């Protein structure tokens, strides 16, 4: 069981490497990077040239914790997407490149992306 889990993680990391070959965040158009664990989901807007995280949001944020109670994981992902978009807009970021982090573009990853688009981010 452990071996299957490990190779699954390694496969995701390999896929992420392939994604990252093409996707780079610049100061004008930073990278919206998504990571999902079994229970939580995290999103960061990153300027790869400077190596800085400009804004971030996750389902474990203090201010989001109250709102995520009793919601399922997809609804939590939607909330995180909307929040990261709001915070990016506040910093004057409107265009990003989307980095799905080796995860397939379905379910929580897609919900987060759609909510970020609704929140005003272009990608």
N, C-alpha and C. Protein backbone atom coordinates (compact mmCIF):
# COMPACT_ATOMS: atom_id res chain seq x y z
N UNK A 1 0.83 -1.20 0.00
CA UNK A 1 0.00 0.00 0.00
C UNK A 1 0.87 1.26 0.00
N UNK A 2 1.90 1.25 0.81
CA UNK A 2 2.79 2.40 0.92
C UNK A 2 3.48 2.68 -0.42
N UNK A 3 3.90 1.62 -1.10
CA UNK A 3 4.63 1.79 -2.36
C UNK A 3 3.76 2.46 -3.42
N UNK A 4 2.49 2.06 -3.49
CA UNK A 4 1.57 2.65 -4.46
C UNK A 4 1.39 4.13 -4.18
N UNK A 5 1.26 4.47 -2.91
CA UNK A 5 1.08 5.86 -2.51
C UNK A 5 2.31 6.69 -2.88
N UNK A 6 3.49 6.13 -2.64
CA UNK A 6 4.73 6.86 -2.92
C UNK A 6 4.87 7.10 -4.42
N UNK A 7 4.61 6.08 -5.23
CA UNK A 7 4.78 6.25 -6.66
C UNK A 7 3.73 7.22 -7.22
N UNK A 8 2.58 7.28 -6.57
CA UNK A 8 1.54 8.21 -6.99
C UNK A 8 2.00 9.65 -6.76
N UNK A 9 2.61 9.88 -5.60
CA UNK A 9 3.16 11.20 -5.28
C UNK A 9 4.28 11.55 -6.24
N UNK A 10 5.15 10.57 -6.50
CA UNK A 10 6.26 10.80 -7.43
C UNK A 10 5.75 11.12 -8.83
N UNK A 11 4.68 10.46 -9.24
CA UNK A 11 4.09 10.72 -10.56
C UNK A 11 3.57 12.14 -10.63
N UNK A 12 2.94 12.61 -9.54
CA UNK A 12 2.45 13.99 -9.52
C UNK A 12 3.61 14.97 -9.62
N UNK A 13 4.69 14.69 -8.91
CA UNK A 13 5.86 15.58 -8.94
C UNK A 13 6.47 15.59 -10.34
N UNK A 14 6.49 14.43 -11.01
CA UNK A 14 6.98 14.38 -12.39
C UNK A 14 6.11 15.21 -13.31
N UNK A 15 4.78 15.08 -13.15
CA UNK A 15 3.85 15.89 -13.96
C UNK A 15 4.05 17.37 -13.69
N UNK A 16 4.25 17.72 -12.41
CA UNK A 16 4.46 19.12 -12.05
C UNK A 16 5.72 19.64 -12.73
N UNK A 17 6.75 18.83 -12.81
CA UNK A 17 7.97 19.22 -13.52
C UNK A 17 7.70 19.55 -14.97
N UNK A 18 6.85 18.75 -15.60
CA UNK A 18 6.50 19.00 -17.01
C UNK A 18 5.72 20.31 -17.15
N UNK A 19 4.81 20.56 -16.20
CA UNK A 19 4.04 21.80 -16.22
C UNK A 19 4.98 22.99 -16.05
N UNK A 20 5.92 22.88 -15.10
CA UNK A 20 6.80 23.99 -14.76
C UNK A 20 7.81 24.33 -15.85
N UNK A 21 8.06 23.37 -16.76
CA UNK A 21 8.95 23.66 -17.89
C UNK A 21 8.39 24.80 -18.74
N UNK A 22 7.05 24.83 -18.82
CA UNK A 22 6.39 25.80 -19.69
C UNK A 22 5.86 27.01 -18.92
N UNK A 23 5.54 26.84 -17.64
CA UNK A 23 4.86 27.89 -16.88
C UNK A 23 5.85 28.63 -15.99
N UNK A 24 6.04 29.94 -16.26
CA UNK A 24 6.92 30.77 -15.44
C UNK A 24 6.17 32.02 -15.01
N UNK A 25 6.36 32.41 -13.76
CA UNK A 25 5.73 33.63 -13.28
C UNK A 25 6.68 34.81 -13.44
N UNK A 26 6.18 35.89 -14.03
CA UNK A 26 6.97 37.11 -14.18
C UNK A 26 6.35 38.18 -13.28
N UNK A 27 7.06 39.30 -13.05
CA UNK A 27 6.44 40.36 -12.23
C UNK A 27 5.13 40.88 -12.85
N UNK A 28 5.05 40.94 -14.20
CA UNK A 28 3.82 41.42 -14.86
C UNK A 28 2.71 40.38 -14.79
N UNK A 29 3.12 39.11 -14.90
CA UNK A 29 2.13 38.03 -14.93
C UNK A 29 2.62 36.89 -14.04
N UNK A 30 2.37 36.99 -12.71
CA UNK A 30 2.87 35.96 -11.80
C UNK A 30 2.12 34.63 -11.95
N UNK A 31 2.64 33.61 -11.27
CA UNK A 31 2.12 32.25 -11.37
C UNK A 31 1.18 31.96 -10.20
N UNK A 32 -0.03 31.50 -10.53
CA UNK A 32 -0.98 31.06 -9.50
C UNK A 32 -0.79 29.57 -9.31
N UNK A 33 -0.17 29.22 -8.20
CA UNK A 33 0.22 27.83 -7.94
C UNK A 33 -0.77 27.20 -6.96
N UNK A 34 -1.23 26.00 -7.29
CA UNK A 34 -2.22 25.31 -6.46
C UNK A 34 -1.62 24.04 -5.89
N UNK A 35 -1.83 23.81 -4.59
CA UNK A 35 -1.47 22.53 -3.99
C UNK A 35 -2.66 22.03 -3.21
N UNK A 36 -2.98 20.74 -3.40
CA UNK A 36 -4.07 20.19 -2.59
C UNK A 36 -3.56 18.96 -1.86
N UNK A 37 -3.86 18.91 -0.58
CA UNK A 37 -3.56 17.72 0.21
C UNK A 37 -4.88 16.98 0.38
N UNK A 38 -4.86 15.93 1.16
CA UNK A 38 -6.09 15.16 1.35
C UNK A 38 -7.21 16.03 1.91
N UNK A 39 -6.88 16.90 2.86
CA UNK A 39 -7.93 17.65 3.53
C UNK A 39 -8.00 19.12 3.19
N UNK A 40 -6.88 19.69 2.76
CA UNK A 40 -6.82 21.15 2.59
C UNK A 40 -6.43 21.50 1.16
N UNK A 41 -6.56 22.80 0.83
CA UNK A 41 -6.11 23.29 -0.48
C UNK A 41 -5.43 24.64 -0.28
N UNK A 42 -4.36 24.87 -1.02
CA UNK A 42 -3.54 26.07 -0.86
C UNK A 42 -3.34 26.71 -2.23
N UNK A 43 -3.31 28.04 -2.27
CA UNK A 43 -3.04 28.76 -3.51
C UNK A 43 -2.08 29.90 -3.22
N UNK A 44 -1.07 30.07 -4.09
CA UNK A 44 -0.11 31.17 -3.93
C UNK A 44 0.06 31.85 -5.28
N UNK A 45 0.26 33.16 -5.24
CA UNK A 45 0.62 33.90 -6.45
C UNK A 45 2.10 34.23 -6.31
N UNK A 46 2.91 33.72 -7.25
CA UNK A 46 4.36 33.75 -7.10
C UNK A 46 5.02 34.48 -8.27
N UNK A 47 5.97 35.37 -7.94
CA UNK A 47 6.85 35.98 -8.94
C UNK A 47 8.12 35.13 -8.96
N UNK A 48 8.29 34.32 -10.02
CA UNK A 48 9.41 33.38 -10.06
C UNK A 48 10.76 34.07 -10.26
N UNK A 49 10.76 35.24 -10.90
CA UNK A 49 12.04 35.91 -11.14
C UNK A 49 12.66 36.38 -9.83
N UNK A 50 11.83 36.93 -8.95
CA UNK A 50 12.34 37.37 -7.65
C UNK A 50 12.29 36.24 -6.62
N UNK A 51 11.50 35.21 -6.93
CA UNK A 51 11.34 34.10 -5.98
C UNK A 51 10.49 34.47 -4.79
N UNK A 52 9.52 35.37 -5.00
CA UNK A 52 8.68 35.84 -3.90
C UNK A 52 7.24 35.36 -4.05
N UNK A 53 6.62 35.04 -2.92
CA UNK A 53 5.18 34.83 -2.90
C UNK A 53 4.53 36.18 -2.68
N UNK A 54 3.67 36.60 -3.61
CA UNK A 54 3.05 37.92 -3.53
C UNK A 54 1.79 37.88 -2.68
N UNK A 55 0.92 36.91 -2.94
CA UNK A 55 -0.27 36.72 -2.10
C UNK A 55 -0.52 35.23 -1.95
N UNK A 56 -1.22 34.87 -0.90
CA UNK A 56 -1.57 33.46 -0.73
C UNK A 56 -2.90 33.36 0.00
N UNK A 57 -3.53 32.20 -0.16
CA UNK A 57 -4.76 31.90 0.57
C UNK A 57 -4.83 30.38 0.69
N UNK A 58 -5.43 29.91 1.75
CA UNK A 58 -5.59 28.47 1.89
C UNK A 58 -6.78 28.18 2.79
N UNK A 59 -7.16 26.92 2.79
CA UNK A 59 -8.31 26.53 3.60
C UNK A 59 -7.96 26.51 5.08
N UNK A 60 -6.69 26.77 5.44
CA UNK A 60 -6.33 26.84 6.86
C UNK A 60 -6.06 28.27 7.31
N UNK A 61 -6.33 29.25 6.43
CA UNK A 61 -6.20 30.66 6.82
C UNK A 61 -7.09 30.96 8.02
N UNK A 62 -6.59 31.80 8.92
CA UNK A 62 -7.38 32.16 10.10
C UNK A 62 -8.73 32.75 9.72
N UNK A 63 -8.72 33.71 8.76
CA UNK A 63 -9.98 34.38 8.43
C UNK A 63 -10.91 33.51 7.59
N UNK A 64 -10.36 32.51 6.90
CA UNK A 64 -11.22 31.62 6.11
C UNK A 64 -11.76 30.46 6.94
N UNK A 65 -11.08 30.14 8.03
CA UNK A 65 -11.47 29.00 8.87
C UNK A 65 -12.94 29.07 9.27
N UNK A 66 -13.37 30.26 9.69
CA UNK A 66 -14.76 30.44 10.13
C UNK A 66 -15.73 30.17 8.99
N UNK A 67 -15.37 30.62 7.78
CA UNK A 67 -16.27 30.47 6.63
C UNK A 67 -16.29 29.03 6.09
N UNK A 68 -15.18 28.28 6.27
CA UNK A 68 -15.10 26.95 5.68
C UNK A 68 -15.78 25.88 6.53
N UNK A 69 -16.11 26.20 7.76
CA UNK A 69 -16.74 25.20 8.64
C UNK A 69 -18.03 24.68 8.02
N UNK A 70 -18.16 23.37 7.97
CA UNK A 70 -19.38 22.75 7.49
C UNK A 70 -19.50 22.71 5.97
N UNK A 71 -18.50 23.22 5.25
CA UNK A 71 -18.55 23.15 3.79
C UNK A 71 -17.74 21.95 3.32
N UNK A 72 -18.13 21.41 2.15
CA UNK A 72 -17.33 20.31 1.62
C UNK A 72 -16.06 20.85 0.97
N UNK A 73 -15.16 19.95 0.58
CA UNK A 73 -13.84 20.38 0.11
C UNK A 73 -13.90 21.20 -1.16
N UNK A 74 -14.85 20.89 -2.05
CA UNK A 74 -14.98 21.66 -3.30
C UNK A 74 -15.43 23.08 -3.00
N UNK A 75 -16.37 23.23 -2.08
CA UNK A 75 -16.83 24.57 -1.69
C UNK A 75 -15.71 25.36 -1.02
N UNK A 76 -14.88 24.66 -0.22
CA UNK A 76 -13.73 25.30 0.41
C UNK A 76 -12.75 25.79 -0.65
N UNK A 77 -12.52 24.96 -1.68
CA UNK A 77 -11.61 25.34 -2.76
C UNK A 77 -12.13 26.57 -3.48
N UNK A 78 -13.45 26.64 -3.69
CA UNK A 78 -14.06 27.79 -4.34
C UNK A 78 -13.82 29.06 -3.52
N UNK A 79 -13.96 28.93 -2.21
CA UNK A 79 -13.74 30.06 -1.30
C UNK A 79 -12.28 30.53 -1.34
N UNK A 80 -11.35 29.58 -1.37
CA UNK A 80 -9.92 29.90 -1.44
C UNK A 80 -9.61 30.61 -2.75
N UNK A 81 -10.20 30.14 -3.86
CA UNK A 81 -9.99 30.78 -5.16
C UNK A 81 -10.47 32.22 -5.18
N UNK A 82 -11.65 32.44 -4.61
CA UNK A 82 -12.21 33.79 -4.56
C UNK A 82 -11.34 34.70 -3.70
N UNK A 83 -10.87 34.18 -2.56
CA UNK A 83 -10.05 34.96 -1.64
C UNK A 83 -8.71 35.33 -2.26
N UNK A 84 -8.06 34.36 -2.93
CA UNK A 84 -6.75 34.65 -3.53
C UNK A 84 -6.91 35.69 -4.64
N UNK A 85 -8.04 35.66 -5.35
CA UNK A 85 -8.30 36.65 -6.40
C UNK A 85 -8.48 38.04 -5.79
N UNK A 86 -9.23 38.12 -4.69
CA UNK A 86 -9.44 39.41 -4.01
C UNK A 86 -8.12 39.99 -3.53
N UNK A 87 -7.28 39.15 -2.92
CA UNK A 87 -6.01 39.62 -2.39
C UNK A 87 -5.07 40.05 -3.50
N UNK A 88 -5.11 39.33 -4.62
CA UNK A 88 -4.27 39.68 -5.77
C UNK A 88 -4.72 41.02 -6.35
N UNK A 89 -6.04 41.20 -6.47
CA UNK A 89 -6.58 42.46 -6.99
C UNK A 89 -6.15 43.63 -6.10
N UNK A 90 -6.17 43.40 -4.78
CA UNK A 90 -5.78 44.44 -3.83
C UNK A 90 -4.32 44.85 -4.04
N UNK A 91 -3.49 43.90 -4.50
CA UNK A 91 -2.08 44.21 -4.77
C UNK A 91 -1.85 44.67 -6.21
N UNK A 92 -2.94 44.81 -6.98
CA UNK A 92 -2.82 45.30 -8.35
C UNK A 92 -2.45 44.22 -9.36
N UNK A 93 -2.72 42.96 -9.02
CA UNK A 93 -2.43 41.86 -9.94
C UNK A 93 -3.75 41.42 -10.59
N UNK A 94 -3.80 41.48 -11.94
CA UNK A 94 -5.03 41.06 -12.60
C UNK A 94 -4.80 39.89 -13.54
N UNK A 95 -3.56 39.71 -14.00
CA UNK A 95 -3.27 38.60 -14.91
C UNK A 95 -2.27 37.64 -14.26
N UNK A 96 -2.56 36.35 -14.35
CA UNK A 96 -1.67 35.33 -13.81
C UNK A 96 -1.55 34.19 -14.81
N UNK A 97 -0.58 33.33 -14.60
CA UNK A 97 -0.54 32.05 -15.32
C UNK A 97 -0.90 30.98 -14.30
N UNK A 98 -1.68 29.99 -14.72
CA UNK A 98 -2.19 28.98 -13.79
C UNK A 98 -1.27 27.77 -13.77
N UNK A 99 -0.85 27.39 -12.57
CA UNK A 99 -0.01 26.21 -12.38
C UNK A 99 -0.78 25.21 -11.54
N UNK A 100 -1.25 24.13 -12.19
CA UNK A 100 -2.10 23.17 -11.48
C UNK A 100 -1.29 22.22 -10.61
N UNK A 101 0.02 22.34 -10.63
CA UNK A 101 0.87 21.59 -9.71
C UNK A 101 0.89 20.09 -9.94
N UNK A 102 0.65 19.66 -11.17
CA UNK A 102 0.67 18.23 -11.46
C UNK A 102 -0.64 17.53 -11.14
N UNK A 103 -1.59 18.28 -10.59
CA UNK A 103 -2.92 17.70 -10.31
C UNK A 103 -3.76 17.83 -11.57
N UNK A 104 -4.67 16.87 -11.79
CA UNK A 104 -5.52 16.99 -12.96
C UNK A 104 -6.54 18.09 -12.74
N UNK A 105 -6.92 18.73 -13.85
CA UNK A 105 -7.78 19.92 -13.79
C UNK A 105 -9.25 19.51 -13.66
N UNK A 106 -9.58 18.91 -12.51
CA UNK A 106 -10.96 18.53 -12.22
C UNK A 106 -11.19 18.78 -10.74
N UNK A 107 -12.42 18.71 -10.34
CA UNK A 107 -12.74 18.76 -8.91
C UNK A 107 -12.31 20.04 -8.23
N UNK A 108 -11.51 19.87 -7.16
CA UNK A 108 -11.14 21.02 -6.32
C UNK A 108 -10.24 22.00 -7.06
N UNK A 109 -9.32 21.48 -7.88
CA UNK A 109 -8.40 22.36 -8.61
C UNK A 109 -9.19 23.24 -9.58
N UNK A 110 -10.14 22.63 -10.27
CA UNK A 110 -10.97 23.38 -11.22
C UNK A 110 -11.88 24.38 -10.49
N UNK A 111 -12.45 23.97 -9.36
CA UNK A 111 -13.32 24.86 -8.58
C UNK A 111 -12.55 26.10 -8.14
N UNK A 112 -11.31 25.90 -7.69
CA UNK A 112 -10.47 27.02 -7.27
C UNK A 112 -10.19 27.94 -8.46
N UNK A 113 -9.85 27.35 -9.62
CA UNK A 113 -9.53 28.14 -10.81
C UNK A 113 -10.74 28.95 -11.28
N UNK A 114 -11.91 28.32 -11.30
CA UNK A 114 -13.12 29.00 -11.75
C UNK A 114 -13.47 30.17 -10.82
N UNK A 115 -13.32 29.94 -9.51
CA UNK A 115 -13.62 30.99 -8.53
C UNK A 115 -12.64 32.15 -8.66
N UNK A 116 -11.37 31.84 -8.94
CA UNK A 116 -10.37 32.89 -9.12
C UNK A 116 -10.70 33.72 -10.37
N UNK A 117 -11.17 33.04 -11.43
CA UNK A 117 -11.58 33.77 -12.64
C UNK A 117 -12.78 34.67 -12.34
N UNK A 118 -13.74 34.14 -11.59
CA UNK A 118 -14.92 34.94 -11.22
C UNK A 118 -14.50 36.14 -10.38
N UNK A 119 -13.46 35.94 -9.55
CA UNK A 119 -12.96 37.01 -8.69
C UNK A 119 -12.20 38.07 -9.46
N UNK A 120 -11.98 37.87 -10.75
CA UNK A 120 -11.39 38.91 -11.59
C UNK A 120 -9.97 38.63 -12.07
N UNK A 121 -9.42 37.45 -11.78
CA UNK A 121 -8.09 37.12 -12.31
C UNK A 121 -8.23 36.60 -13.73
N UNK A 122 -7.31 36.99 -14.61
CA UNK A 122 -7.34 36.52 -15.99
C UNK A 122 -6.26 35.47 -16.20
N UNK A 123 -6.66 34.32 -16.67
CA UNK A 123 -5.73 33.28 -17.11
C UNK A 123 -6.43 32.29 -17.99
